[in-house]
Amino acid sequence: MPPAFVDVGSAETFRDEDVAYASRLWQAGGQAELHVWPGGFHGFDMMAPQAAISQEARAARVRWLKRLLG
């Protein structure tokens, strides 16, 4: 499996499923980077793009891509 980037807000409805997905990838020997953003809800980064947490979430995605493609 290709490396995966999994990020989810702690207040997201699908938080547990996202964490379980990353865990299953690790158990299968795959690579996953998991971020659980404190207080984040579904779409928090699009609904509040100027919020510090949104900016950090986007920056984390970019850093991961740069490492992956670097």
PDB file of N, CA and C in Angstrom:
ATOM      1  N   MET A   1       0.844  -1.181   0.000  1.00  0.00           N
ATOM      2  CA  MET A   1       0.000   0.000   0.000  1.00  0.00           C
ATOM      3  C   MET A   1       0.886   1.239   0.000  1.00  0.00           C
ATOM      4  N   PRO A   2       0.440   2.284  -0.673  1.00  0.00           N
ATOM      5  CA  PRO A   2       1.204   3.535  -0.645  1.00  0.00           C
ATOM      6  C   PRO A   2       1.093   4.203   0.723  1.00  0.00           C
ATOM      7  N   PRO A   3       2.028   5.076   1.044  1.00  0.00           N
ATOM      8  CA  PRO A   3       1.931   5.807   2.306  1.00  0.00           C
ATOM      9  C   PRO A   3       0.630   6.609   2.359  1.00  0.00           C
ATOM     10  N   ALA A   4       0.101   6.772   3.551  1.00  0.00           N
ATOM     11  CA  ALA A   4      -1.165   7.486   3.723  1.00  0.00           C
ATOM     12  C   ALA A   4      -1.007   8.617   4.723  1.00  0.00           C
ATOM     13  N   PHE A   5      -1.717   9.683   4.464  1.00  0.00           N
ATOM     14  CA  PHE A   5      -1.816  10.795   5.398  1.00  0.00           C
ATOM     15  C   PHE A   5      -3.256  10.808   5.875  1.00  0.00           C
ATOM     16  N   VAL A   6      -3.444  10.651   7.172  1.00  0.00           N
ATOM     17  CA  VAL A   6      -4.793  10.612   7.745  1.00  0.00           C
ATOM     18  C   VAL A   6      -4.875  11.730   8.770  1.00  0.00           C
ATOM     19  N   ASP A   7      -5.796  12.663   8.543  1.00  0.00           N
ATOM     20  CA  ASP A   7      -6.001  13.675   9.569  1.00  0.00           C
ATOM     21  C   ASP A   7      -7.491  13.841   9.810  1.00  0.00           C
ATOM     22  N   VAL A   8      -7.796  14.136  11.056  1.00  0.00           N
ATOM     23  CA  VAL A   8      -9.186  14.174  11.482  1.00  0.00           C
ATOM     24  C   VAL A   8      -9.277  15.069  12.711  1.00  0.00           C
ATOM     25  N   GLY A   9     -10.401  15.742  12.854  1.00  0.00           N
ATOM     26  CA  GLY A   9     -10.625  16.541  14.051  1.00  0.00           C
ATOM     27  C   GLY A   9     -11.092  15.661  15.195  1.00  0.00           C
ATOM     28  N   SER A  10     -10.763  16.059  16.400  1.00  0.00           N
ATOM     29  CA  SER A  10     -11.175  15.257  17.559  1.00  0.00           C
ATOM     30  C   SER A  10     -12.689  15.269  17.747  1.00  0.00           C
ATOM     31  N   ALA A  11     -13.378  16.271  17.193  1.00  0.00           N
ATOM     32  CA  ALA A  11     -14.837  16.345  17.303  1.00  0.00           C
ATOM     33  C   ALA A  11     -15.525  15.842  16.029  1.00  0.00           C
ATOM     34  N   GLU A  12     -14.790  15.221  15.147  1.00  0.00           N
ATOM     35  CA  GLU A  12     -15.316  14.685  13.885  1.00  0.00           C
ATOM     36  C   GLU A  12     -16.118  13.419  14.138  1.00  0.00           C
ATOM     37  N   THR A  13     -17.217  13.291  13.466  1.00  0.00           N
ATOM     38  CA  THR A  13     -18.066  12.106  13.594  1.00  0.00           C
ATOM     39  C   THR A  13     -17.305  10.824  13.243  1.00  0.00           C
ATOM     40  N   PHE A  14     -16.414  10.899  12.268  1.00  0.00           N
ATOM     41  CA  PHE A  14     -15.700   9.713  11.791  1.00  0.00           C
ATOM     42  C   PHE A  14     -14.311   9.562  12.416  1.00  0.00           C
ATOM     43  N   ARG A  15     -14.052  10.249  13.524  1.00  0.00           N
ATOM     44  CA  ARG A  15     -12.728  10.214  14.153  1.00  0.00           C
ATOM     45  C   ARG A  15     -12.268   8.788  14.439  1.00  0.00           C
ATOM     46  N   ASP A  16     -13.097   8.010  15.104  1.00  0.00           N
ATOM     47  CA  ASP A  16     -12.671   6.659  15.487  1.00  0.00           C
ATOM     48  C   ASP A  16     -12.386   5.795  14.271  1.00  0.00           C
ATOM     49  N   GLU A  17     -13.172   5.955  13.214  1.00  0.00           N
ATOM     50  CA  GLU A  17     -12.943   5.183  11.996  1.00  0.00           C
ATOM     51  C   GLU A  17     -11.626   5.574  11.342  1.00  0.00           C
ATOM     52  N   ASP A  18     -11.317   6.862  11.353  1.00  0.00           N
ATOM     53  CA  ASP A  18     -10.056   7.316  10.760  1.00  0.00           C
ATOM     54  C   ASP A  18      -8.856   6.794  11.545  1.00  0.00           C
ATOM     55  N   VAL A  19      -8.941   6.845  12.864  1.00  0.00           N
ATOM     56  CA  VAL A  19      -7.857   6.330  13.707  1.00  0.00           C
ATOM     57  C   VAL A  19      -7.713   4.820  13.497  1.00  0.00           C
ATOM     58  N   ALA A  20      -8.825   4.114  13.406  1.00  0.00           N
ATOM     59  CA  ALA A  20      -8.778   2.664  13.175  1.00  0.00           C
ATOM     60  C   ALA A  20      -8.161   2.345  11.816  1.00  0.00           C
ATOM     61  N   TYR A  21      -8.463   3.154  10.807  1.00  0.00           N
ATOM     62  CA  TYR A  21      -7.889   2.949   9.474  1.00  0.00           C
ATOM     63  C   TYR A  21      -6.365   3.067   9.528  1.00  0.00           C
ATOM     64  N   ALA A  22      -5.867   4.118  10.166  1.00  0.00           N
ATOM     65  CA  ALA A  22      -4.417   4.278  10.287  1.00  0.00           C
ATOM     66  C   ALA A  22      -3.818   3.107  11.064  1.00  0.00           C
ATOM     67  N   SER A  23      -4.490   2.673  12.109  1.00  0.00           N
ATOM     68  CA  SER A  23      -4.002   1.537  12.896  1.00  0.00           C
ATOM     69  C   SER A  23      -3.935   0.264  12.065  1.00  0.00           C
ATOM     70  N   ARG A  24      -4.936   0.036  11.243  1.00  0.00           N
ATOM     71  CA  ARG A  24      -4.927  -1.151  10.379  1.00  0.00           C
ATOM     72  C   ARG A  24      -3.799  -1.084   9.358  1.00  0.00           C
ATOM     73  N   LEU A  25      -3.535   0.097   8.843  1.00  0.00           N
ATOM     74  CA  LEU A  25      -2.407   0.243   7.920  1.00  0.00           C
ATOM     75  C   LEU A  25      -1.101  -0.130   8.609  1.00  0.00           C
ATOM     76  N   TRP A  26      -0.903   0.383   9.826  1.00  0.00           N
ATOM     77  CA  TRP A  26       0.315   0.055  10.578  1.00  0.00           C
ATOM     78  C   TRP A  26       0.397  -1.438  10.853  1.00  0.00           C
ATOM     79  N   GLN A  27      -0.708  -2.043  11.261  1.00  0.00           N
ATOM     80  CA  GLN A  27      -0.722  -3.475  11.563  1.00  0.00           C
ATOM     81  C   GLN A  27      -0.366  -4.309  10.342  1.00  0.00           C
ATOM     82  N   ALA A  28      -0.725  -3.810   9.160  1.00  0.00           N
ATOM     83  CA  ALA A  28      -0.442  -4.528   7.923  1.00  0.00           C
ATOM     84  C   ALA A  28       0.961  -4.221   7.389  1.00  0.00           C
ATOM     85  N   GLY A  29       1.715  -3.410   8.139  1.00  0.00           N
ATOM     86  CA  GLY A  29       3.072  -3.079   7.712  1.00  0.00           C
ATOM     87  C   GLY A  29       3.156  -1.856   6.832  1.00  0.00           C
ATOM     88  N   GLY A  30       2.046  -1.155   6.671  1.00  0.00           N
ATOM     89  CA  GLY A  30       2.022   0.042   5.848  1.00  0.00           C
ATOM     90  C   GLY A  30       2.487   1.272   6.598  1.00  0.00           C
ATOM     91  N   GLN A  31       2.628   2.349   5.862  1.00  0.00           N
ATOM     92  CA  GLN A  31       3.035   3.624   6.443  1.00  0.00           C
ATOM     93  C   GLN A  31       1.827   4.556   6.489  1.00  0.00           C
ATOM     94  N   ALA A  32       1.653   5.201   7.631  1.00  0.00           N
ATOM     95  CA  ALA A  32       0.584   6.191   7.769  1.00  0.00           C
ATOM     96  C   ALA A  32       1.046   7.265   8.728  1.00  0.00           C
ATOM     97  N   GLU A  33       0.708   8.478   8.398  1.00  0.00           N
ATOM     98  CA  GLU A  33       0.916   9.593   9.320  1.00  0.00           C
ATOM     99  C   GLU A  33      -0.471  10.022   9.770  1.00  0.00           C
ATOM    100  N   LEU A  34      -0.689   9.996  11.066  1.00  0.00           N
ATOM    101  CA  LEU A  34      -2.008  10.303  11.635  1.00  0.00           C
ATOM    102  C   LEU A  34      -1.938  11.579  12.456  1.00  0.00           C
ATOM    103  N   HIS A  35      -2.902  12.468  12.195  1.00  0.00           N
ATOM    104  CA  HIS A  35      -3.054  13.695  12.981  1.00  0.00           C
ATOM    105  C   HIS A  35      -4.501  13.767  13.463  1.00  0.00           C
ATOM    106  N   VAL A  36      -4.672  13.956  14.754  1.00  0.00           N
ATOM    107  CA  VAL A  36      -6.006  14.198  15.323  1.00  0.00           C
ATOM    108  C   VAL A  36      -5.956  15.619  15.868  1.00  0.00           C
ATOM    109  N   TRP A  37      -6.698  16.509  15.222  1.00  0.00           N
ATOM    110  CA  TRP A  37      -6.651  17.929  15.552  1.00  0.00           C
ATOM    111  C   TRP A  37      -7.620  18.241  16.679  1.00  0.00           C
ATOM    112  N   PRO A  38      -7.105  18.752  17.800  1.00  0.00           N
ATOM    113  CA  PRO A  38      -7.942  19.026  18.978  1.00  0.00           C
ATOM    114  C   PRO A  38      -9.066  20.010  18.671  1.00  0.00           C
ATOM    115  N   GLY A  39     -10.287  19.589  18.931  1.00  0.00           N
ATOM    116  CA  GLY A  39     -11.450  20.445  18.738  1.00  0.00           C
ATOM    117  C   GLY A  39     -11.928  20.547  17.305  1.00  0.00           C
ATOM    118  N   GLY A  40     -11.200  19.956  16.374  1.00  0.00           N
ATOM    119  CA  GLY A  40     -11.583  20.035  14.964  1.00  0.00           C
ATOM    120  C   GLY A  40     -12.856  19.251  14.684  1.00  0.00           C
ATOM    121  N   PHE A  41     -13.693  19.817  13.842  1.00  0.00           N
ATOM    122  CA  PHE A  41     -14.940  19.170  13.418  1.00  0.00           C
ATOM    123  C   PHE A  41     -14.857  18.933  11.910  1.00  0.00           C
ATOM    124  N   HIS A  42     -15.836  18.253  11.349  1.00  0.00           N
ATOM    125  CA  HIS A  42     -15.819  17.925   9.924  1.00  0.00           C
ATOM    126  C   HIS A  42     -15.740  19.208   9.082  1.00  0.00           C
ATOM    127  N   GLY A  43     -14.706  19.306   8.295  1.00  0.00           N
ATOM    128  CA  GLY A  43     -14.527  20.456   7.419  1.00  0.00           C
ATOM    129  C   GLY A  43     -14.017  21.708   8.119  1.00  0.00           C
ATOM    130  N   PHE A  44     -13.467  21.563   9.319  1.00  0.00           N
ATOM    131  CA  PHE A  44     -13.024  22.740  10.076  1.00  0.00           C
ATOM    132  C   PHE A  44     -12.049  23.606   9.299  1.00  0.00           C
ATOM    133  N   ASP A  45     -11.176  22.978   8.522  1.00  0.00           N
ATOM    134  CA  ASP A  45     -10.161  23.747   7.808  1.00  0.00           C
ATOM    135  C   ASP A  45     -10.737  24.531   6.634  1.00  0.00           C
ATOM    136  N   MET A  46     -11.896  24.114   6.130  1.00  0.00           N
ATOM    137  CA  MET A  46     -12.535  24.866   5.049  1.00  0.00           C
ATOM    138  C   MET A  46     -13.532  25.895   5.601  1.00  0.00           C
ATOM    139  N   MET A  47     -14.123  25.587   6.725  1.00  0.00           N
ATOM    140  CA  MET A  47     -15.100  26.510   7.301  1.00  0.00           C
ATOM    141  C   MET A  47     -14.427  27.664   8.043  1.00  0.00           C
ATOM    142  N   ALA A  48     -13.239  27.426   8.561  1.00  0.00           N
ATOM    143  CA  ALA A  48     -12.500  28.466   9.286  1.00  0.00           C
ATOM    144  C   ALA A  48     -11.048  28.461   8.816  1.00  0.00           C
ATOM    145  N   PRO A  49     -10.813  28.824   7.548  1.00  0.00           N
ATOM    146  CA  PRO A  49      -9.465  28.688   6.996  1.00  0.00           C
ATOM    147  C   PRO A  49      -8.405  29.565   7.663  1.00  0.00           C
ATOM    148  N   GLN A  50      -8.825  30.632   8.317  1.00  0.00           N
ATOM    149  CA  GLN A  50      -7.855  31.522   8.955  1.00  0.00           C
ATOM    150  C   GLN A  50      -7.497  31.095  10.376  1.00  0.00           C
ATOM    151  N   ALA A  51      -8.226  30.134  10.918  1.00  0.00           N
ATOM    152  CA  ALA A  51      -7.946  29.670  12.280  1.00  0.00           C
ATOM    153  C   ALA A  51      -6.565  29.016  12.326  1.00  0.00           C
ATOM    154  N   ALA A  52      -5.884  29.172  13.441  1.00  0.00           N
ATOM    155  CA  ALA A  52      -4.538  28.619  13.589  1.00  0.00           C
ATOM    156  C   ALA A  52      -4.519  27.114  13.352  1.00  0.00           C
ATOM    157  N   ILE A  53      -5.511  26.409  13.865  1.00  0.00           N
ATOM    158  CA  ILE A  53      -5.555  24.948  13.695  1.00  0.00           C
ATOM    159  C   ILE A  53      -5.720  24.570  12.222  1.00  0.00           C
ATOM    160  N   SER A  54      -6.486  25.347  11.487  1.00  0.00           N
ATOM    161  CA  SER A  54      -6.674  25.085  10.055  1.00  0.00           C
ATOM    162  C   SER A  54      -5.374  25.300   9.294  1.00  0.00           C
ATOM    163  N   GLN A  55      -4.683  26.360   9.622  1.00  0.00           N
ATOM    164  CA  GLN A  55      -3.416  26.644   8.956  1.00  0.00           C
ATOM    165  C   GLN A  55      -2.376  25.573   9.279  1.00  0.00           C
ATOM    166  N   GLU A  56      -2.362  25.115  10.518  1.00  0.00           N
ATOM    167  CA  GLU A  56      -1.412  24.063  10.895  1.00  0.00           C
ATOM    168  C   GLU A  56      -1.765  22.744  10.203  1.00  0.00           C
ATOM    169  N   ALA A  57      -3.053  22.437  10.085  1.00  0.00           N
ATOM    170  CA  ALA A  57      -3.466  21.205   9.400  1.00  0.00           C
ATOM    171  C   ALA A  57      -3.017  21.231   7.941  1.00  0.00           C
ATOM    172  N   ARG A  58      -3.229  22.354   7.279  1.00  0.00           N
ATOM    173  CA  ARG A  58      -2.789  22.465   5.883  1.00  0.00           C
ATOM    174  C   ARG A  58      -1.274  22.379   5.784  1.00  0.00           C
ATOM    175  N   ALA A  59      -0.573  23.030   6.701  1.00  0.00           N
ATOM    176  CA  ALA A  59       0.894  22.999   6.682  1.00  0.00           C
ATOM    177  C   ALA A  59       1.407  21.574   6.909  1.00  0.00           C
ATOM    178  N   ALA A  60       0.750  20.821   7.771  1.00  0.00           N
ATOM    179  CA  ALA A  60       1.150  19.436   8.025  1.00  0.00           C
ATOM    180  C   ALA A  60       1.006  18.595   6.763  1.00  0.00           C
ATOM    181  N   ARG A  61      -0.063  18.816   6.010  1.00  0.00           N
ATOM    182  CA  ARG A  61      -0.261  18.076   4.747  1.00  0.00           C
ATOM    183  C   ARG A  61       0.850  18.406   3.753  1.00  0.00           C
ATOM    184  N   VAL A  62       1.170  19.676   3.649  1.00  0.00           N
ATOM    185  CA  VAL A  62       2.216  20.098   2.713  1.00  0.00           C
ATOM    186  C   VAL A  62       3.568  19.528   3.124  1.00  0.00           C
ATOM    187  N   ARG A  63       3.888  19.571   4.424  1.00  0.00           N
ATOM    188  CA  ARG A  63       5.160  19.002   4.897  1.00  0.00           C
ATOM    189  C   ARG A  63       5.247  17.518   4.566  1.00  0.00           C
ATOM    190  N   TRP A  64       4.132  16.787   4.765  1.00  0.00           N
ATOM    191  CA  TRP A  64       4.109  15.353   4.483  1.00  0.00           C
ATOM    192  C   TRP A  64       4.370  15.110   2.994  1.00  0.00           C
ATOM    193  N   LEU A  65       3.681  15.875   2.141  1.00  0.00           N
ATOM    194  CA  LEU A  65       3.882  15.709   0.698  1.00  0.00           C
ATOM    195  C   LEU A  65       5.322  16.018   0.287  1.00  0.00           C
ATOM    196  N   LYS A  66       5.889  17.059   0.874  1.00  0.00           N
ATOM    197  CA  LYS A  66       7.280  17.395   0.550  1.00  0.00           C
ATOM    198  C   LYS A  66       8.227  16.272   0.967  1.00  0.00           C
ATOM    199  N   ARG A  67       7.984  15.693   2.156  1.00  0.00           N
ATOM    200  CA  ARG A  67       8.819  14.561   2.600  1.00  0.00           C
ATOM    201  C   ARG A  67       8.648  13.371   1.666  1.00  0.00           C
ATOM    202  N   LEU A  68       7.416  13.112   1.286  1.00  0.00           N
ATOM    203  CA  LEU A  68       7.116  11.958   0.435  1.00  0.00           C
ATOM    204  C   LEU A  68       7.715  12.107  -0.955  1.00  0.00           C
ATOM    205  N   LEU A  69       7.601  13.299  -1.518  1.00  0.00           N
ATOM    206  CA  LEU A  69       8.045  13.530  -2.886  1.00  0.00           C
ATOM    207  C   LEU A  69       9.468  14.049  -2.977  1.00  0.00           C
ATOM    208  N   GLY A  70      10.011  14.463  -1.795  1.00  0.00           N
ATOM    209  CA  GLY A  70      11.309  15.111  -1.705  1.00  0.00           C
ATOM    210  C   GLY A  70      12.404  14.404  -2.369  1.00  0.00           C
TER     211      GLY A  70
END
